Amino acid sequence: MNLKPDELNIPLAERVRPKSLDDFFGQHKLIGKESFFRKMIESKSLSSFILWGPPGSGKTTLANIIAFSTESEFFQLNAVSSGVKEVREVIAIAEKNRDYNKRTILFIDEIHRFSKSQQDSLLAAVEGGAIILIGATTENPSFEVIPPLRSRARVYILERLSNDDLGKIYLNATKKDAYLSHFKIELVDENFLFEISNGDAREMLNIIESCVLDSDSKDEIKITKELITRILNTRKIIYDKSGEEHYNIISAFIKSLRGSDPDAAIYWLARMIDGGEDPLFIARRLIILAAEDIGNASPNALLLAEAGFSAIDKIGMPEGRIILAQVTTYLASAPKSNASYLAIDKALSDIKQLSDYPVPIHLRNAPTKLMKDIGYGINYKYPHDFAGNFTVQNYLPDELKDKQFYFPSENGNEKNIKDRLKLLWKKKKY
């Protein structure tokens, strides 16, 4: 073995980290031969940017490659353990470097964890060109990076590594690492390894190294599903309740419910439950969906959703998962209508654009003699005095007479509502 004993303390992912773009696997769109990103690096014409991508997709590696290939002084800070003090120290060095025409790169890992004031401390140095900022984040910069900093730093998106990319990284590591190359390694269950790694090269390399270190064999090692499972104990599911994945999964959940797919809805529900999402947050979203996307097509949906919220609040988890599952499958399977939702938004839109028309005099209440004398409530027709408890009269401002906001659908119970309204209001388009 060519490794010194203390070098084994360096993780495999660090030992085999690529030193150039040609040795980098994955992110073909970003670093392709004709890409702007690659040309920027090769021409050494750097400007500040943010790398946004999932864990283990190559953000830190690319930052190191850029610093090495552009012969820049490189500083790396982690937003979890660093603050304004460390940023200012780097900026002070960068100001001195600039006097000697030396470029300074400041790489901030997990930049989304910097507070607004911490991000503010970067603005002047980035704008003035004292530093080239490279930020790395797993979270959507739209939510986590302040607008002034985003406007000064281009965002590049990294994709989840494919199984093919992970396979190439695995082969490269087992051949080039001085320690791993000592063994004959057989990857028996490669698909399981790649799936469990979830597109994360660092995670995969950590698993491989752990499997090798855990093995009693001195020369031949078989990496099996059983060995991987023993190493991991349980699969880690990525779910950041405050980050973008939170928004992605709740979005998929709502769209599955709206699309009447109970199986997909249950899957995304399970993802949220397993990730530790607040069950009352889920229950609130179910109540909103019941009114917005089901409405009068199945009025019981809102009642069930509200009852589900109340029950979960009283019972809690883990039993609350059963209640969430019942409400989810009912709402997903129910007939859909957004007619009520469209009606209120159309009415609000008209109110913003039109004048505040007066209430017709026949609809006004007359609690005093003066009001009666000037005609408040005159000619109002009390519906219960008529056959079927209905008579045609105008309930809108005169300027909006016969205006229609609510257009019931043909779905579920709402069809019955539509048929009744069509019978009552001949001039409207029900």
Protein backbone atom coordinates (compact mmCIF):
# COMPACT_ATOMS: atom_id res chain seq x y z
CA MET A 1 0.00 0.00 0.00
CA ASN A 2 1.24 3.48 -0.86
CA LEU A 3 -0.80 5.19 1.84
CA LYS A 4 0.87 6.27 5.03
CA PRO A 5 -0.99 5.12 8.18
CA ASP A 6 -2.22 8.62 9.06
CA GLU A 7 -3.59 9.09 5.54
CA LEU A 8 -6.28 6.50 6.28
CA ASN A 9 -7.80 9.13 8.56
CA ILE A 10 -8.66 11.10 5.40
CA PRO A 11 -12.05 9.91 4.05
CA LEU A 12 -12.06 8.08 0.73
CA ALA A 13 -14.20 10.80 -0.85
CA GLU A 14 -11.46 13.31 -0.10
CA ARG A 15 -8.62 11.03 -1.20
CA VAL A 16 -10.13 10.50 -4.66
CA ARG A 17 -11.50 14.02 -5.17
CA PRO A 18 -10.86 15.05 -8.83
CA LYS A 19 -8.22 17.70 -9.46
CA SER A 20 -9.40 18.73 -12.94
CA LEU A 21 -12.59 18.94 -14.99
CA ASP A 22 -11.39 16.06 -17.16
CA ASP A 23 -11.37 13.78 -14.10
CA PHE A 24 -14.80 14.93 -12.95
CA PHE A 25 -17.76 12.56 -13.47
CA GLY A 26 -21.29 13.84 -13.92
CA GLN A 27 -22.82 17.30 -14.52
CA HIS A 28 -22.39 16.93 -18.28
CA LYS A 29 -24.62 19.92 -19.09
CA LEU A 30 -22.69 22.18 -16.75
CA ILE A 31 -19.12 21.27 -17.68
CA GLY A 32 -19.55 20.11 -21.28
CA LYS A 33 -16.83 21.10 -23.76
CA GLU A 34 -18.85 24.01 -25.17
CA SER A 35 -20.51 25.15 -21.93
CA PHE A 36 -20.20 28.72 -20.71
CA PHE A 37 -19.21 27.42 -17.25
CA ARG A 38 -16.26 25.44 -18.62
CA LYS A 39 -15.12 28.28 -20.86
CA MET A 40 -15.27 30.67 -17.90
CA ILE A 41 -12.92 28.41 -15.95
CA GLU A 42 -10.54 27.67 -18.82
CA SER A 43 -10.26 31.37 -19.71
CA LYS A 44 -9.86 32.25 -16.02
CA SER A 45 -12.51 34.95 -16.47
CA LEU A 46 -14.27 34.28 -13.21
CA SER A 47 -17.22 36.07 -11.68
CA SER A 48 -19.10 35.23 -8.49
CA PHE A 49 -21.62 32.41 -8.66
CA ILE A 50 -23.67 29.98 -6.60
CA LEU A 51 -23.71 26.21 -7.13
CA TRP A 52 -27.13 24.80 -6.29
CA GLY A 53 -27.52 21.04 -6.20
CA PRO A 54 -28.22 17.99 -4.05
CA PRO A 55 -25.68 16.59 -1.57
CA GLY A 56 -22.70 14.81 -3.12
CA SER A 57 -23.26 16.19 -6.61
CA GLY A 58 -19.83 17.85 -6.86
CA LYS A 59 -20.20 21.43 -5.58
CA THR A 60 -17.13 21.43 -3.33
CA THR A 61 -15.09 19.50 -5.88
CA LEU A 62 -15.85 22.03 -8.61
CA ALA A 63 -14.91 24.91 -6.30
CA ASN A 64 -11.54 23.27 -5.58
CA ILE A 65 -10.93 22.54 -9.27
CA ILE A 66 -11.67 26.17 -10.13
CA ALA A 67 -9.28 27.49 -7.49
CA PHE A 68 -6.51 25.14 -8.63
CA SER A 69 -6.94 25.71 -12.35
CA THR A 70 -7.14 29.51 -12.03
CA GLU A 71 -4.18 29.79 -9.63
CA SER A 72 -6.24 31.73 -7.11
CA GLU A 73 -5.81 31.94 -3.37
CA PHE A 74 -8.60 29.80 -2.03
CA PHE A 75 -10.45 30.13 1.27
CA GLN A 76 -13.18 27.76 2.33
CA LEU A 77 -15.71 28.57 5.03
CA ASN A 78 -18.64 26.55 6.27
CA ALA A 79 -21.69 28.65 7.03
CA VAL A 80 -22.52 26.47 10.05
CA SER A 81 -19.26 27.17 11.87
CA SER A 82 -18.25 30.55 10.41
CA GLY A 83 -19.66 34.06 10.62
CA VAL A 84 -19.06 37.70 9.79
CA LYS A 85 -15.71 37.76 11.61
CA GLU A 86 -14.23 35.02 9.39
CA VAL A 87 -15.69 36.64 6.26
CA ARG A 88 -14.09 39.98 7.11
CA GLU A 89 -10.73 38.32 7.71
CA VAL A 90 -10.80 36.78 4.24
CA ILE A 91 -11.90 40.08 2.68
CA ALA A 92 -8.96 41.87 4.37
CA ILE A 93 -6.54 39.34 2.82
CA ALA A 94 -8.29 39.69 -0.53
CA GLU A 95 -7.84 43.47 -0.48
CA LYS A 96 -4.09 42.99 -0.03
CA ASN A 97 -3.99 40.31 -2.75
CA ARG A 98 -5.66 42.69 -5.17
CA ASP A 99 -2.75 45.14 -4.77
CA TYR A 100 -0.55 42.40 -6.25
CA ASN A 101 -3.05 41.39 -8.95
CA LYS A 102 -3.71 38.12 -7.16
CA ARG A 103 -7.22 36.69 -7.29
CA THR A 104 -8.98 35.51 -4.12
CA ILE A 105 -11.76 32.93 -4.12
CA LEU A 106 -14.00 32.60 -1.09
CA PHE A 107 -15.95 29.35 -1.11
CA ILE A 108 -18.84 29.24 1.37
CA ASP A 109 -20.35 25.81 1.82
CA GLU A 110 -24.01 25.71 2.90
CA ILE A 111 -24.36 29.44 2.19
CA HIS A 112 -28.12 29.09 2.76
CA ARG A 113 -27.34 28.84 6.47
CA PHE A 114 -25.86 32.34 6.54
CA SER A 115 -28.22 34.88 8.08
CA LYS A 116 -29.26 38.03 6.21
CA SER A 117 -26.68 40.13 8.08
CA GLN A 118 -23.96 37.59 7.34
CA GLN A 119 -24.86 37.59 3.64
CA ASP A 120 -24.95 41.41 3.71
CA SER A 121 -21.31 41.42 4.84
CA LEU A 122 -20.32 39.89 1.49
CA LEU A 123 -22.01 42.43 -0.77
CA ALA A 124 -19.41 45.19 -0.96
CA ALA A 125 -16.50 42.80 -1.53
CA VAL A 126 -18.38 40.89 -4.22
CA GLU A 127 -19.57 44.05 -5.96
CA GLY A 128 -16.12 45.62 -5.82
CA GLY A 129 -14.42 42.49 -7.09
CA ALA A 130 -12.20 42.04 -4.04
CA ILE A 131 -13.33 38.42 -3.83
CA ILE A 132 -14.78 35.89 -6.21
CA LEU A 133 -17.58 34.31 -4.21
CA ILE A 134 -18.51 30.69 -4.82
CA GLY A 135 -21.49 29.68 -2.74
CA ALA A 136 -22.71 26.10 -2.42
CA THR A 137 -26.23 25.25 -1.37
CA THR A 138 -28.62 22.33 -1.39
CA GLU A 139 -31.54 24.74 -1.00
CA ASN A 140 -33.27 26.90 -3.59
CA PRO A 141 -31.38 30.23 -3.66
CA SER A 142 -34.68 31.98 -4.36
CA PHE A 143 -35.69 31.24 -0.77
CA GLU A 144 -32.36 31.20 1.05
CA VAL A 145 -30.06 33.80 -0.56
CA ILE A 146 -30.87 37.51 -0.24
CA PRO A 147 -31.83 39.25 -3.54
CA PRO A 148 -28.89 41.73 -3.56
CA LEU A 149 -26.43 38.83 -3.36
CA ARG A 150 -28.31 36.78 -5.96
CA SER A 151 -28.19 39.71 -8.35
CA ARG A 152 -24.39 39.77 -8.05
CA ALA A 153 -23.85 36.04 -8.37
CA ARG A 154 -25.04 33.81 -11.20
CA VAL A 155 -26.72 30.56 -10.17
CA TYR A 156 -25.59 27.25 -11.72
CA ILE A 157 -27.71 24.15 -11.13
CA LEU A 158 -26.15 20.75 -10.49
CA GLU A 159 -28.22 17.64 -11.09
CA ARG A 160 -28.51 14.50 -8.99
CA LEU A 161 -25.80 12.09 -10.17
CA SER A 162 -27.10 9.23 -12.28
CA ASN A 163 -26.37 5.58 -11.55
CA ASP A 164 -24.03 5.62 -14.54
CA ASP A 165 -22.09 8.53 -13.00
CA LEU A 166 -21.92 6.73 -9.65
CA GLY A 167 -20.64 3.61 -11.40
CA LYS A 168 -17.78 5.54 -12.99
CA ILE A 169 -16.92 7.18 -9.67
CA TYR A 170 -16.90 3.77 -7.99
CA LEU A 171 -14.57 2.25 -10.60
CA ASN A 172 -12.25 5.24 -10.45
CA ALA A 173 -12.03 5.03 -6.66
CA THR A 174 -11.32 1.30 -6.52
CA LYS A 175 -8.59 1.61 -9.16
CA LYS A 176 -6.88 4.84 -8.14
CA ASP A 177 -7.10 4.89 -4.36
CA ALA A 178 -3.91 3.48 -2.90
CA TYR A 179 -5.77 1.67 -0.13
CA LEU A 180 -8.77 0.28 -2.05
CA SER A 181 -6.61 -0.86 -4.96
CA HIS A 182 -4.93 -3.31 -2.59
CA PHE A 183 -8.16 -5.36 -2.45
CA LYS A 184 -10.09 -7.33 -5.02
CA ILE A 185 -13.54 -5.76 -4.59
CA GLU A 186 -16.64 -7.33 -6.10
CA LEU A 187 -19.73 -5.15 -6.12
CA VAL A 188 -22.44 -7.81 -5.97
CA ASP A 189 -25.49 -5.56 -5.56
CA GLU A 190 -24.52 -2.42 -7.45
CA ASN A 191 -28.11 -1.28 -8.11
CA PHE A 192 -28.86 -1.40 -4.39
CA LEU A 193 -25.71 0.59 -3.62
CA PHE A 194 -26.56 3.25 -6.20
CA GLU A 195 -30.18 3.54 -5.12
CA ILE A 196 -29.28 3.75 -1.43
CA SER A 197 -26.73 6.46 -2.24
CA ASN A 198 -29.52 8.57 -3.77
CA GLY A 199 -27.26 10.28 -6.32
CA ASP A 200 -24.77 11.30 -3.62
CA ALA A 201 -21.17 10.39 -4.58
CA ARG A 202 -19.85 11.13 -1.09
CA GLU A 203 -22.45 8.87 0.48
CA MET A 204 -21.60 6.06 -1.92
CA LEU A 205 -17.86 6.34 -1.30
CA ASN A 206 -18.42 6.42 2.46
CA ILE A 207 -20.46 3.21 2.19
CA ILE A 208 -17.78 1.50 0.10
CA GLU A 209 -15.01 2.51 2.50
CA SER A 210 -17.06 1.35 5.50
CA CYS A 211 -17.73 -1.99 3.81
CA VAL A 212 -14.02 -2.49 3.15
CA LEU A 213 -13.01 -1.53 6.68
CA ASP A 214 -15.74 -3.75 8.13
CA SER A 215 -14.63 -6.80 6.18
CA ASP A 216 -12.45 -9.48 7.77
CA SER A 217 -10.95 -10.37 4.41
CA LYS A 218 -7.40 -9.30 3.65
CA ASP A 219 -7.63 -9.39 -0.10
CA GLU A 220 -11.11 -10.16 -1.51
CA ILE A 221 -14.25 -8.27 -0.51
CA LYS A 222 -17.83 -8.78 -1.69
CA ILE A 223 -20.07 -5.75 -1.27
CA THR A 224 -23.56 -7.21 -0.90
CA LYS A 225 -26.95 -5.83 -0.01
CA GLU A 226 -26.69 -7.50 3.39
CA LEU A 227 -23.32 -5.90 4.10
CA ILE A 228 -24.50 -2.45 3.00
CA THR A 229 -27.67 -2.77 5.10
CA ARG A 230 -25.63 -3.76 8.15
CA ILE A 231 -23.36 -0.77 7.65
CA LEU A 232 -26.20 1.70 7.30
CA ASN A 233 -28.71 0.10 9.70
CA THR A 234 -31.48 2.23 8.21
CA ARG A 235 -31.77 4.19 5.05
CA LYS A 236 -31.44 7.94 5.40
CA ILE A 237 -34.24 9.80 3.65
CA ILE A 238 -33.47 13.42 2.78
CA TYR A 239 -36.24 15.70 3.98
CA ASP A 240 -35.40 19.18 5.21
CA LYS A 241 -38.53 20.63 6.78
CA SER A 242 -37.29 24.18 6.27
CA GLY A 243 -35.73 23.74 2.84
CA GLU A 244 -36.70 23.29 -0.77
CA GLU A 245 -37.36 19.54 -0.50
CA HIS A 246 -40.15 20.42 1.92
CA TYR A 247 -41.79 22.58 -0.75
CA ASN A 248 -41.15 20.04 -3.51
CA ILE A 249 -42.77 17.15 -1.64
CA ILE A 250 -45.79 19.05 -0.37
CA SER A 251 -46.26 20.31 -3.95
CA ALA A 252 -46.16 16.74 -5.28
CA PHE A 253 -48.61 15.69 -2.54
CA ILE A 254 -51.14 18.43 -3.38
CA LYS A 255 -50.87 17.85 -7.13
CA SER A 256 -51.46 14.11 -6.62
CA LEU A 257 -54.59 14.83 -4.57
CA ARG A 258 -55.84 17.31 -7.15
CA GLY A 259 -55.11 14.78 -9.89
CA SER A 260 -57.22 12.09 -8.13
CA ASP A 261 -54.31 9.66 -7.66
CA PRO A 262 -54.65 8.20 -4.14
CA ASP A 263 -51.60 5.96 -4.57
CA ALA A 264 -49.25 8.83 -5.40
CA ALA A 265 -50.80 10.96 -2.66
CA ILE A 266 -50.23 8.21 -0.08
CA TYR A 267 -46.59 7.83 -1.23
CA TRP A 268 -45.83 11.54 -0.76
CA LEU A 269 -47.71 11.50 2.54
CA ALA A 270 -45.48 8.64 3.69
CA ARG A 271 -42.38 10.59 2.62
CA MET A 272 -43.47 13.53 4.75
CA ILE A 273 -44.37 11.39 7.76
CA ASP A 274 -41.07 9.49 7.57
CA GLY A 275 -39.18 12.78 7.28
CA GLY A 276 -40.76 14.10 10.47
CA GLU A 277 -43.09 16.68 8.95
CA ASP A 278 -45.52 18.34 11.35
CA PRO A 279 -48.79 16.35 10.91
CA LEU A 280 -50.86 19.47 11.59
CA PHE A 281 -49.13 21.23 8.70
CA ILE A 282 -50.25 18.37 6.44
CA ALA A 283 -53.75 18.46 7.91
CA ARG A 284 -54.03 22.21 7.27
CA ARG A 285 -53.09 21.73 3.65
CA LEU A 286 -55.74 19.01 3.33
CA ILE A 287 -58.40 21.42 4.61
CA ILE A 288 -57.36 24.03 2.05
CA LEU A 289 -57.40 21.48 -0.76
CA ALA A 290 -60.86 20.24 0.26
CA ALA A 291 -62.28 23.73 -0.29
CA GLU A 292 -60.10 24.77 -3.23
CA ASP A 293 -60.10 21.65 -5.40
CA ILE A 294 -63.17 19.66 -4.32
CA GLY A 295 -65.59 22.27 -3.05
CA ASN A 296 -69.26 21.61 -3.67
CA ALA A 297 -68.55 18.57 -5.83
CA SER A 298 -68.28 16.75 -2.49
CA PRO A 299 -69.10 19.08 0.43
CA ASN A 300 -68.31 16.34 2.96
CA ALA A 301 -64.64 16.62 1.96
CA LEU A 302 -64.23 19.85 3.91
CA LEU A 303 -66.02 18.36 6.93
CA LEU A 304 -63.79 15.27 6.87
CA ALA A 305 -60.61 17.33 6.44
CA GLU A 306 -61.52 19.59 9.36
CA ALA A 307 -62.43 16.57 11.49
CA GLY A 308 -59.09 15.01 10.57
CA PHE A 309 -57.21 18.11 11.75
CA SER A 310 -59.10 18.08 15.06
CA ALA A 311 -58.52 14.34 15.57
CA ILE A 312 -54.79 14.56 14.86
CA ASP A 313 -54.48 17.52 17.21
CA LYS A 314 -56.04 15.41 19.98
CA ILE A 315 -54.36 12.06 19.25
CA GLY A 316 -50.96 12.98 17.82
CA MET A 317 -48.54 10.58 16.17
CA PRO A 318 -47.93 7.79 15.32
CA GLU A 319 -51.67 6.98 15.29
CA GLY A 320 -52.33 10.26 13.48
CA ARG A 321 -50.84 8.72 10.34
CA ILE A 322 -53.98 6.57 10.01
CA ILE A 323 -56.22 9.63 10.13
CA LEU A 324 -54.05 11.43 7.59
CA ALA A 325 -54.21 8.37 5.35
CA GLN A 326 -58.03 8.23 5.52
CA VAL A 327 -58.43 11.93 4.71
CA THR A 328 -55.81 11.74 1.96
CA THR A 329 -57.38 8.78 0.18
CA TYR A 330 -60.89 10.28 0.46
CA LEU A 331 -59.84 13.66 -0.94
CA ALA A 332 -57.81 12.07 -3.72
CA SER A 333 -60.76 9.88 -4.73
CA ALA A 334 -63.47 12.55 -4.45
CA PRO A 335 -64.94 14.38 -7.49
CA LYS A 336 -63.19 17.68 -8.10
CA SER A 337 -64.33 21.25 -8.64
CA ASN A 338 -62.50 24.54 -8.19
CA ALA A 339 -65.61 26.59 -9.04
CA SER A 340 -65.88 28.16 -5.57
CA TYR A 341 -62.18 29.08 -5.61
CA LEU A 342 -62.50 30.67 -9.04
CA ALA A 343 -65.67 32.50 -7.99
CA ILE A 344 -64.12 34.30 -5.02
CA ASP A 345 -60.97 35.21 -6.98
CA LYS A 346 -63.05 36.57 -9.86
CA ALA A 347 -65.14 38.64 -7.46
CA LEU A 348 -62.04 39.99 -5.69
CA SER A 349 -60.50 40.88 -9.04
CA ASP A 350 -63.61 42.83 -10.07
CA ILE A 351 -63.69 44.64 -6.74
CA LYS A 352 -60.11 45.82 -7.20
CA GLN A 353 -60.76 47.05 -10.74
CA LEU A 354 -64.26 48.53 -10.40
CA SER A 355 -65.83 51.21 -8.25
CA ASP A 356 -67.35 50.47 -4.86
CA TYR A 357 -70.91 50.36 -6.11
CA PRO A 358 -73.63 51.17 -3.54
CA VAL A 359 -75.85 48.49 -2.07
CA PRO A 360 -79.25 48.56 -3.87
CA ILE A 361 -81.77 50.33 -1.68
CA HIS A 362 -84.15 47.36 -1.49
CA LEU A 363 -81.37 45.25 0.12
CA ARG A 364 -80.57 47.76 2.82
CA ASN A 365 -81.70 47.26 6.39
CA ALA A 366 -83.90 49.93 7.96
CA PRO A 367 -83.48 49.85 11.76
CA THR A 368 -84.49 53.53 12.17
CA LYS A 369 -87.52 55.62 11.08
CA LEU A 370 -85.31 57.91 9.02
CA MET A 371 -83.98 54.99 7.03
CA LYS A 372 -87.50 53.73 6.39
CA ASP A 373 -88.61 57.18 5.32
CA ILE A 374 -85.90 57.45 2.69
CA GLY A 375 -86.79 54.06 1.27
CA TYR A 376 -84.33 51.59 2.80
CA GLY A 377 -85.68 48.06 2.26
CA ILE A 378 -88.55 49.18 0.07
CA ASN A 379 -89.71 46.64 -2.52
CA TYR A 380 -87.59 43.87 -1.00
CA LYS A 381 -89.19 40.49 -1.77
CA TYR A 382 -89.01 38.00 1.11
CA PRO A 383 -88.29 34.65 -0.62
CA HIS A 384 -90.27 32.58 1.88
CA ASP A 385 -93.43 34.38 0.84
CA PHE A 386 -93.19 32.79 -2.61
CA ALA A 387 -93.65 29.29 -3.98
CA GLY A 388 -90.55 27.18 -3.64
CA ASN A 389 -89.11 29.83 -1.31
CA PHE A 390 -87.76 31.71 -4.29
CA THR A 391 -88.48 34.71 -6.48
CA VAL A 392 -86.32 36.49 -9.00
CA GLN A 393 -84.86 39.78 -7.82
CA ASN A 394 -81.53 41.57 -8.15
CA TYR A 395 -79.08 41.05 -5.27
CA LEU A 396 -76.10 42.78 -6.88
CA PRO A 397 -75.36 46.48 -7.37
CA ASP A 398 -77.39 47.76 -10.30
CA GLU A 399 -74.17 48.22 -12.32
CA LEU A 400 -73.47 44.48 -12.02
CA LYS A 401 -76.98 43.16 -12.58
CA ASP A 402 -76.93 39.54 -13.80
CA LYS A 403 -73.14 39.37 -13.32
CA GLN A 404 -72.01 35.77 -12.76
CA PHE A 405 -69.00 34.69 -10.69
CA TYR A 406 -69.87 31.10 -9.77
CA PHE A 407 -69.92 28.51 -12.56
CA PRO A 408 -70.62 25.13 -10.97
CA SER A 409 -69.10 22.07 -12.59
CA GLU A 410 -70.78 18.88 -13.77
CA ASN A 411 -68.94 16.86 -11.12
CA GLY A 412 -70.43 15.04 -8.15
CA ASN A 413 -72.89 16.94 -5.99
CA GLU A 414 -72.12 20.18 -7.79
CA LYS A 415 -74.07 18.97 -10.83
CA ASN A 416 -77.21 18.99 -8.64
CA ILE A 417 -76.39 22.54 -7.57
CA LYS A 418 -75.89 23.56 -11.19
CA ASP A 419 -79.22 22.04 -12.27
CA ARG A 420 -81.10 23.85 -9.50
CA LEU A 421 -79.47 27.22 -10.20
CA LYS A 422 -80.15 26.81 -13.93
CA LEU A 423 -83.82 26.28 -13.11
CA LEU A 424 -83.98 29.35 -10.85
CA TRP A 425 -81.89 31.88 -12.77
CA LYS A 426 -82.94 31.74 -16.43
CA LYS A 427 -80.76 34.67 -17.53
CA LYS A 428 -77.54 33.24 -16.18
CA LYS A 429 -75.28 30.73 -17.91
CA TYR A 430 -75.42 27.80 -15.53
